[in-house]
Each structure stands twice: as C-alpha cells, then as structure tokens.
Protein backbone atom coordinates (compact mmCIF):
# COMPACT_ATOMS: atom_id res chain seq x y z
CA MET A 1 -29.37 13.53 86.04
CA ALA A 2 -29.03 11.40 82.89
CA ALA A 3 -29.47 13.12 79.55
CA ILE A 4 -32.72 12.33 77.76
CA GLU A 5 -32.10 10.70 74.40
CA SER A 6 -33.91 12.44 71.56
CA GLN A 7 -36.31 10.27 69.63
CA PRO A 8 -35.62 9.67 65.93
CA PHE A 9 -37.77 11.41 63.35
CA ILE A 10 -40.23 8.96 61.77
CA LEU A 11 -41.01 9.49 58.08
CA ARG A 12 -44.23 7.77 57.01
CA TRP A 13 -44.24 6.74 53.34
CA GLY A 14 -46.81 6.00 50.69
CA VAL A 15 -45.50 4.05 47.71
CA ILE A 16 -46.84 4.48 44.19
CA SER A 17 -46.31 1.52 41.84
CA THR A 18 -45.58 -2.13 42.47
CA GLY A 19 -42.75 -2.60 39.98
CA TRP A 20 -39.19 -3.72 40.60
CA ILE A 21 -37.78 -0.32 41.60
CA ALA A 22 -40.56 0.15 44.16
CA SER A 23 -39.86 -3.32 45.59
CA VAL A 24 -36.17 -2.67 46.25
CA PHE A 25 -36.94 0.76 47.70
CA VAL A 26 -39.50 -0.68 50.11
CA LYS A 27 -37.14 -3.47 51.18
CA ASP A 28 -34.50 -0.86 51.99
CA LEU A 29 -36.96 1.30 53.94
CA LEU A 30 -37.54 -1.68 56.21
CA VAL A 31 -33.83 -2.23 56.94
CA ASP A 32 -32.97 -1.16 60.50
CA PRO A 33 -31.22 2.25 60.20
CA LYS A 34 -28.79 1.23 62.95
CA THR A 35 -27.16 -1.20 60.48
CA ARG A 36 -25.84 1.88 58.66
CA ASN A 37 -25.13 3.77 61.88
CA VAL A 38 -28.16 6.05 61.49
CA GLN A 39 -29.81 7.02 64.75
CA ASP A 40 -31.76 10.19 63.92
CA VAL A 41 -34.36 9.00 61.37
CA VAL A 42 -36.48 5.90 60.79
CA HIS A 43 -38.94 4.95 58.06
CA GLU A 44 -42.41 3.44 58.08
CA VAL A 45 -44.30 2.23 55.01
CA ILE A 46 -47.93 3.16 55.56
CA ALA A 47 -49.48 2.20 52.22
CA VAL A 48 -48.82 0.88 48.73
CA GLY A 49 -50.91 1.93 45.75
CA SER A 50 -51.48 -0.06 42.59
CA ARG A 51 -54.09 -0.44 39.86
CA SER A 52 -55.82 -3.08 41.98
CA VAL A 53 -56.00 -3.98 45.65
CA GLU A 54 -54.94 -7.52 44.75
CA SER A 55 -51.73 -6.28 43.12
CA ALA A 56 -50.92 -4.04 46.09
CA ASN A 57 -51.57 -6.90 48.55
CA LYS A 58 -49.36 -9.27 46.57
CA PHE A 59 -46.57 -6.66 46.56
CA ILE A 60 -46.80 -6.22 50.34
CA GLN A 61 -46.80 -9.96 50.96
CA GLU A 62 -43.76 -10.49 48.72
CA HIS A 63 -41.64 -7.49 49.65
CA ALA A 64 -42.76 -6.51 53.15
CA PRO A 65 -43.67 -9.78 54.87
CA GLY A 66 -44.21 -9.39 58.56
CA ASN A 67 -45.65 -5.90 58.12
CA PRO A 68 -49.41 -6.54 58.24
CA ASN A 69 -50.25 -2.92 59.01
CA ILE A 70 -49.25 -1.67 55.54
CA ARG A 71 -52.41 -0.70 53.71
CA ALA A 72 -53.10 -1.88 50.16
CA TYR A 73 -54.91 0.57 47.91
CA GLY A 74 -56.32 -0.09 44.46
CA THR A 75 -55.80 3.50 43.31
CA TYR A 76 -53.04 6.05 43.65
CA ASN A 77 -55.49 8.72 44.78
CA GLU A 78 -56.25 6.74 47.94
CA VAL A 79 -52.55 6.82 48.81
CA TYR A 80 -52.36 10.58 48.26
CA ALA A 81 -55.44 11.07 50.45
CA ASP A 82 -54.22 8.97 53.38
CA PRO A 83 -53.76 11.42 56.30
CA ASN A 84 -51.13 9.21 57.94
CA ILE A 85 -48.73 9.57 55.01
CA THR A 86 -46.14 12.34 54.94
CA ALA A 87 -44.12 11.54 51.79
CA ILE A 88 -44.85 9.79 48.51
CA TYR A 89 -42.35 7.65 46.64
CA ILE A 90 -43.09 7.50 42.91
CA GLY A 91 -41.71 4.46 41.08
CA THR A 92 -43.91 4.46 37.97
CA PRO A 93 -42.48 4.73 34.40
CA HIS A 94 -40.89 8.07 33.46
CA THR A 95 -43.80 9.25 31.35
CA MET A 96 -46.20 8.93 34.29
CA HIS A 97 -44.04 10.83 36.78
CA TYR A 98 -45.40 14.28 36.00
CA GLU A 99 -49.05 13.40 36.62
CA ASN A 100 -48.28 11.21 39.66
CA ALA A 101 -46.03 13.81 41.28
CA ARG A 102 -48.43 16.63 40.53
CA ASP A 103 -51.31 14.74 42.12
CA ALA A 104 -49.21 14.00 45.20
CA LEU A 105 -48.16 17.62 45.59
CA LEU A 106 -51.73 18.85 45.13
CA ALA A 107 -52.70 16.47 47.94
CA GLY A 108 -50.13 18.13 50.20
CA LYS A 109 -47.54 15.37 50.21
CA HIS A 110 -43.77 15.65 49.96
CA VAL A 111 -42.36 13.77 46.96
CA LEU A 112 -39.41 11.55 46.12
CA CYS A 113 -39.67 10.86 42.38
CA GLU A 114 -37.67 8.30 40.43
CA LYS A 115 -35.38 9.35 37.64
CA ALA A 116 -35.67 10.53 35.02
CA THR A 117 -37.98 12.84 36.96
CA THR A 118 -40.22 13.71 34.00
CA SER A 119 -40.47 13.35 30.23
CA ASN A 120 -38.96 16.80 29.71
CA ALA A 121 -37.68 19.86 31.52
CA VAL A 122 -40.91 21.84 31.07
CA GLU A 123 -42.79 19.26 33.13
CA LEU A 124 -40.13 19.31 35.83
CA ARG A 125 -40.14 23.09 36.08
CA ASP A 126 -43.90 23.01 36.53
CA LEU A 127 -43.60 20.46 39.35
CA LEU A 128 -40.92 22.48 41.10
CA LYS A 129 -43.05 25.61 40.84
CA LEU A 130 -46.00 23.75 42.37
CA ALA A 131 -43.86 22.29 45.16
CA LYS A 132 -42.63 25.77 46.04
CA GLN A 133 -46.16 27.17 46.02
CA LYS A 134 -47.33 24.39 48.32
CA ASN A 135 -44.22 24.64 50.54
CA LEU A 136 -43.44 20.96 49.96
CA PHE A 137 -40.21 19.01 49.58
CA PHE A 138 -39.43 17.53 46.16
CA MET A 139 -36.41 15.47 45.15
CA GLU A 140 -35.32 13.32 42.26
CA ALA A 141 -34.41 9.83 43.48
CA MET A 142 -30.75 10.02 42.49
CA TRP A 143 -29.82 7.34 45.00
CA THR A 144 -26.24 6.91 43.78
CA ARG A 145 -25.33 10.43 44.92
CA PHE A 146 -26.19 9.58 48.53
CA GLN A 147 -24.13 6.42 48.79
CA PRO A 148 -20.98 6.76 50.94
CA ILE A 149 -18.74 5.93 47.99
CA ALA A 150 -19.94 9.07 46.17
CA ALA A 151 -18.93 11.27 49.11
CA GLU A 152 -15.47 9.71 49.17
CA VAL A 153 -14.96 10.11 45.41
CA LYS A 154 -15.99 13.75 45.76
CA ARG A 155 -13.57 14.30 48.63
CA ILE A 156 -10.62 12.94 46.69
CA ALA A 157 -11.66 14.71 43.49
CA GLU A 158 -11.66 18.06 45.29
CA GLU A 159 -8.81 17.80 47.81
CA GLY A 160 -6.27 18.92 45.20
CA SER A 161 -3.59 16.28 44.83
CA LEU A 162 -4.88 15.14 41.44
CA GLY A 163 -5.25 18.69 40.12
CA LEU A 164 -8.27 19.88 38.16
CA PRO A 165 -10.44 17.43 36.21
CA VAL A 166 -9.74 17.29 32.48
CA VAL A 167 -11.86 14.50 30.98
CA LEU A 168 -14.52 12.24 32.44
CA HIS A 169 -15.68 9.07 30.69
CA ALA A 170 -18.81 7.38 32.04
CA ASP A 171 -21.02 4.67 30.59
CA LEU A 172 -23.97 2.67 31.79
CA SER A 173 -25.05 -0.05 29.40
CA GLY A 174 -27.07 -3.21 29.79
CA ASP A 175 -27.94 -5.94 27.33
CA PHE A 176 -31.72 -6.20 27.50
CA ASP A 177 -31.87 -8.84 24.74
CA ILE A 178 -34.06 -6.41 22.84
CA GLU A 179 -34.68 -8.79 19.92
CA ASN A 180 -36.45 -11.22 22.22
CA ILE A 181 -38.49 -9.10 24.62
CA PRO A 182 -41.96 -7.63 24.03
CA LYS A 183 -42.05 -4.26 22.32
CA THR A 184 -44.21 -3.13 25.23
CA HIS A 185 -41.26 -3.60 27.61
CA ARG A 186 -40.37 -0.31 29.29
CA ILE A 187 -36.95 -0.21 27.61
CA LEU A 188 -38.48 -0.47 24.10
CA ASP A 189 -41.82 1.31 24.40
CA PRO A 190 -41.60 5.00 23.39
CA LYS A 191 -44.91 5.60 25.18
CA LEU A 192 -43.04 4.78 28.41
CA GLY A 193 -40.03 6.95 27.53
CA GLY A 194 -38.15 3.85 26.44
CA GLY A 195 -34.57 3.75 25.24
CA ALA A 196 -31.17 4.20 26.79
CA LEU A 197 -31.13 7.94 27.52
CA LEU A 198 -34.00 8.39 29.99
CA ASP A 199 -33.56 4.97 31.59
CA LEU A 200 -29.77 4.65 31.86
CA GLY A 201 -28.52 8.16 31.07
CA PRO A 202 -29.01 9.61 34.57
CA TYR A 203 -26.19 7.42 35.88
CA PRO A 204 -23.35 8.61 33.65
CA MET A 205 -24.69 12.12 34.30
CA ILE A 206 -24.50 11.84 38.09
CA TRP A 207 -20.74 11.29 37.91
CA ALA A 208 -20.31 14.24 35.55
CA VAL A 209 -22.32 16.36 37.97
CA LEU A 210 -20.29 15.21 40.97
CA ALA A 211 -16.83 15.54 39.42
CA LEU A 212 -17.30 18.56 37.12
CA TYR A 213 -20.47 20.54 37.88
CA GLU A 214 -20.00 20.31 41.66
CA HIS A 215 -16.25 20.97 41.57
CA PRO A 216 -15.59 24.19 43.54
CA THR A 217 -13.59 25.67 40.66
CA ASN A 218 -16.62 25.29 38.36
CA LYS A 219 -18.76 27.49 40.64
CA LYS A 220 -21.88 25.53 39.56
CA ALA A 221 -21.59 26.81 36.00
CA ARG A 222 -23.64 24.81 33.53
CA PRO A 223 -22.03 23.15 30.51
CA THR A 224 -21.07 25.66 27.85
CA SER A 225 -21.96 23.18 25.10
CA ILE A 226 -23.86 19.92 24.69
CA THR A 227 -23.32 17.59 21.75
CA GLY A 228 -25.45 14.48 21.37
CA SER A 229 -25.69 11.55 18.98
CA ILE A 230 -28.42 8.90 19.00
CA LEU A 231 -28.58 5.52 17.28
CA LYS A 232 -32.15 4.23 17.22
CA THR A 233 -33.33 0.67 17.13
CA PRO A 234 -35.58 -0.14 14.14
CA LEU A 235 -37.71 -2.25 16.47
CA THR A 236 -39.57 0.70 18.00
CA GLY A 237 -37.53 3.82 17.22
CA VAL A 238 -36.25 4.41 20.76
CA ASP A 239 -32.57 5.20 21.27
CA ARG A 240 -30.51 2.02 21.37
CA SER A 241 -27.21 3.78 21.95
CA THR A 242 -26.65 7.40 22.90
CA VAL A 243 -23.43 9.35 23.30
CA PHE A 244 -23.29 12.93 24.57
CA THR A 245 -20.47 15.28 25.41
CA LEU A 246 -20.62 18.18 27.86
CA ASN A 247 -18.01 20.94 27.85
CA PHE A 248 -17.38 22.84 31.08
CA THR A 249 -15.31 25.82 30.01
CA GLU A 250 -16.63 28.84 31.93
CA HIS A 251 -14.32 28.15 34.88
CA LEU A 252 -12.86 24.71 34.13
CA GLU A 253 -11.31 23.30 30.96
CA ALA A 254 -13.03 19.95 31.16
CA GLN A 255 -15.20 17.57 29.17
CA ALA A 256 -17.60 14.79 30.09
CA ILE A 257 -17.98 12.03 27.50
CA LEU A 258 -21.08 10.05 28.45
CA SER A 259 -22.76 7.04 26.87
CA CYS A 260 -25.47 4.47 27.40
CA SER A 261 -26.70 1.47 25.42
CA ILE A 262 -29.43 -1.13 25.79
CA ASN A 263 -27.69 -3.89 23.79
CA LEU A 264 -24.26 -4.06 25.43
CA PRO A 265 -22.85 -5.09 28.80
CA ALA A 266 -21.34 -2.41 31.03
CA PRO A 267 -17.65 -1.60 30.44
CA ILE A 268 -14.90 -1.90 33.05
CA PRO A 269 -14.19 0.56 34.58
CA GLY A 270 -17.58 2.22 34.38
CA VAL A 271 -16.29 5.71 35.13
CA THR A 272 -12.82 7.16 34.52
CA ILE A 273 -12.07 10.67 35.78
CA ARG A 274 -8.79 11.89 34.33
CA TYR A 275 -6.46 14.51 35.78
CA ARG A 276 -2.92 15.55 34.89
CA ASN A 277 -1.74 14.03 38.16
CA GLY A 278 -3.68 10.77 37.98
CA ASN A 279 -7.02 9.04 37.51
CA ILE A 280 -10.06 7.90 39.47
CA LEU A 281 -11.43 4.57 38.19
CA ILE A 282 -14.91 3.55 39.38
CA GLN A 283 -15.98 -0.05 38.96
CA PRO A 284 -19.41 -1.02 37.66
CA PRO A 285 -22.24 -1.04 38.27
CA ILE A 286 -21.94 2.74 38.31
CA TYR A 287 -25.37 3.14 39.91
CA ARG A 288 -24.12 1.20 42.96
CA PRO A 289 -20.34 0.86 42.80
CA LEU A 290 -18.64 -0.85 45.71
CA SER A 291 -15.06 0.11 44.89
CA PHE A 292 -12.91 2.67 43.13
CA THR A 293 -9.19 3.09 42.54
CA VAL A 294 -7.12 6.26 42.61
CA GLN A 295 -3.96 6.27 40.46
CA TYR A 296 -1.19 8.79 41.11
CA PHE A 297 1.39 9.70 38.44
CA ASP A 298 5.07 10.32 39.18
CA LYS A 299 4.75 13.80 37.65
CA PRO A 300 1.98 15.80 35.95
CA GLY A 301 1.03 14.46 32.54
CA SER A 302 3.44 11.51 32.54
CA GLY A 303 0.86 8.73 32.73
CA THR A 304 3.32 6.69 34.80
CA VAL A 305 1.43 5.31 37.79
CA VAL A 306 3.62 5.16 40.89
CA ARG A 307 0.91 4.59 43.48
CA GLU A 308 -2.60 3.14 43.54
CA GLU A 309 -5.18 3.17 46.30
CA THR A 310 -8.34 1.06 46.08
CA LYS A 311 -11.25 1.85 48.39
CA LYS A 312 -14.01 -0.69 49.00
CA PHE A 313 -17.48 -0.21 50.45
CA SER A 314 -20.32 -2.40 51.68
CA HIS A 315 -23.70 -1.90 53.30
CA ALA A 316 -26.66 -3.92 54.54
CA GLY A 317 -29.37 -3.75 51.91
CA GLY A 318 -29.39 -2.37 48.43
CA GLY A 319 -28.33 1.23 49.07
CA TRP A 320 -31.63 3.00 48.41
CA PHE A 321 -32.06 3.83 52.10
CA TYR A 322 -29.43 6.60 51.91
CA GLU A 323 -31.66 8.77 49.72
CA ALA A 324 -34.63 8.01 51.99
CA ASP A 325 -32.60 9.18 54.99
CA GLU A 326 -31.87 12.42 53.15
CA VAL A 327 -35.57 12.96 52.45
CA ALA A 328 -36.40 12.36 56.11
CA ARG A 329 -33.80 14.82 57.37
CA CYS A 330 -34.84 17.50 54.90
CA ILE A 331 -38.52 17.19 55.82
CA ARG A 332 -37.66 17.12 59.52
CA ASP A 333 -35.61 20.31 59.13
CA GLY A 334 -38.18 22.11 56.98
CA ARG A 335 -36.07 22.16 53.82
CA LEU A 336 -37.78 22.08 50.43
CA GLU A 337 -34.84 20.59 48.55
CA SER A 338 -31.69 18.63 49.24
CA GLU A 339 -28.36 20.40 49.37
CA THR A 340 -26.68 17.26 48.03
CA TRP A 341 -28.99 16.74 45.05
CA GLY A 342 -30.86 20.00 44.62
CA HIS A 343 -33.36 21.10 42.02
CA ASP A 344 -30.60 22.71 39.94
CA LYS A 345 -29.07 19.30 39.28
CA SER A 346 -32.35 17.65 38.31
CA LEU A 347 -33.05 20.54 35.94
CA LEU A 348 -29.56 20.23 34.48
CA LEU A 349 -30.18 16.56 33.72
CA MET A 350 -33.53 17.18 32.05
CA ASP A 351 -32.22 20.14 30.03
CA VAL A 352 -29.32 18.01 28.81
CA PHE A 353 -31.61 15.09 27.94
CA ASP A 354 -34.00 17.39 26.06
CA GLU A 355 -31.13 18.79 24.00
CA VAL A 356 -29.66 15.36 23.26
CA ARG A 357 -33.05 14.02 22.17
CA LYS A 358 -33.52 17.10 20.00
CA GLN A 359 -30.15 16.69 18.33
CA GLY A 360 -30.73 12.97 17.89
CA GLY A 361 -34.24 13.36 16.48
CA TYR A 362 -35.93 11.24 19.15
CA GLU A 363 -39.42 12.59 19.78
CA LEU A 364 -41.79 10.91 22.21
CA PRO A 365 -45.20 9.95 20.79
CA GLU A 366 -47.92 12.58 20.72
CA GLY A 367 -49.62 12.96 24.10
CA VAL A 368 -46.84 11.39 26.16
CA GLU A 369 -45.44 14.74 27.23
CA LYS A 370 -48.17 16.45 29.24
CA LEU A 371 -46.45 19.82 28.91
CA LYS A 372 -44.19 20.96 26.07
CA GLY A 373 -42.06 24.03 25.62
C-alpha cells in the first residue's frame, strides 16, 4: 500500500500597511515554496489593510495580480477581526508597531512584526508579555537571519578552524539624498523613528548576534558594555550617522564595532569577522548578501592568507519567504517563539538601541513612545 503524503501546513496571512516592505513580503509569500525546496508549509494572503479600501485594492492589483480572492480592507481593525486570518504581518513605520501589534494580539492573531520591533524596549516587553498571556506566537521580522547564507556563516564561524571571534566590523549605510527629500520622509521624520539607528541598525546587529552572542563559547551572555556615539542631522535632529561598540567579555574576549549612516553608500565588505586564524568577509548588501569569503592564515595571528573560499547563494524571489516559513512552522508546531530568532535577541537589540540613543542624546518626540521606562 502506497504511503499517504502529508499535506503542507497552510498559513493564512493578513497584511498591515501598503508600503514598500509590505509589497516585497507579499510578493515573496506568493512564490511557490517548491522553488526553495520547501514541501511542508505554504502561504496564503487573505487580506490587506490600509487607511482606505482604494489604497488596499491598488496594492493588491500591483503586487498580487492574479489573486482576486485577497480582501481589501480600509482599516486595520477589519484585518484583525477577519476569522480566516491566522497571522498578521506588520509593515508600518517603527513608531506604529507597538499599537498595531498590540491590537493584533488582542484580536487573537499571531504576529510577525517588522524591525525595529518597537520604539523602545519597554514597549517590546509589554508586547511579549501580552503574547505569552494570549498564548500567541510573536517574532521580529529579522529576515536576514533565516536566509541560507546566515546558516552557512554560522556553521563556519563555530566549527573551530578559525578559532574564537575577536573583532566584528559591520556597517549598513545608504545615501538617501537627505538634502533633497521631504522632511516627512520616514528616514528624516523623528515622529516615525527616523534616522539611521532604528532603520538600518538592526542589520549590523544581526551579524554581531550571529557571530558573537550566538557563539557557543559566549553561552548567550549579553554584552558587558555598550558604547554609542550619534551624529545628528540639523535638518530634523534624527541620527545621521551612528557608531556603537559592544564588548562580549563574560565568556569571550570579543568586540563588535557597528555603524550605520543615511548619507553614505555601503562599504565593501559590509561585514568583517576577524579571528586569529583568518577572516570571514560578507559582501553587501548585508541585509541580503549573496556571497561571503573565508580567508585562512598560514599560522595564528600572521595575517598571511594562504587559502580563500568564496561561497555564493541565490534564490527565487527576494528572500523574505524564509522568515515566513519559520513563522508557519512555529505556529504549526505550537511554539510561541522562534529558536533561531527568539525574544531574547529582539530584546537585546532594543536594549542596545535604547542605550545608544540615550548616550547620543536622541530622544523621540513627546507622545511617540506609547510606553516609557
């Protein structure tokens, strides 16, 4: 008798926001999972919510053509209330995440929330407490961590031939032409959490988390010190360039030197992880790198490269579907958080960002933060 094939788990999504990040996420949800050799989960977009039905309909027509069954809602609350939706994807600006995620959780929906998850760590802790009370899954949309290249970098970083990590340099910058864009643009508007840190800062941080925080020798110890420096733009007072250093000295002897700017192109390489026995060089863009190179020295500390290995990756689509697959599997299996990008890592990011903003004197406008410590 032939074995009966198990049916894939179907995760039914509601999407909040019709901005660019929501558009690329939706496009990836609609990519056939078999193109990435995924057989166990599939995704359906049930509804899109915007501030008007017209905006939601336009979004669906542009980014999900051929999917006439996707519902267009003119309010977010209608998405939360839709009984056919299991999980909510939140792609609104950072400063709206807390209220949007809270409303979704109160409506009994699982949540995937874009980074930075909230305006501050107090808001995030409140959301995680609510998710636990409601027995619901919650995850920060740290899509880079779920890409296959991240798993391979982690494998090489931890297999031992390079030794222990010593210094990590990571930068994500982008020239937004800030002198010639509206001051209401998300990258310049402090009411939207504008500036480099909350918008770009999660990406240097993900590599520090992967290579240092997650390293088995570190035993998930948090940084023993955080030092931040912010250079603000006189245009609106948001951070134009931010540099922050994390020391991991409880179990490692390692530093992460991280930076982000909104008026510079990205450097090459985007990430350098340095060891006494060699280096790992990750090419930009560091949010979706497609190659990295491992350099091996002839002897510890020499700096003389005797062997290089470059690994290249490709995938159909943008790469956002990997995090969606993780959400589907976690919900299917009854887990409330991801083992790959758990709540501890999201809290670490927000605690670091709070401290860097504090040291740099960057306060969000009154009323933006819905909860404050």
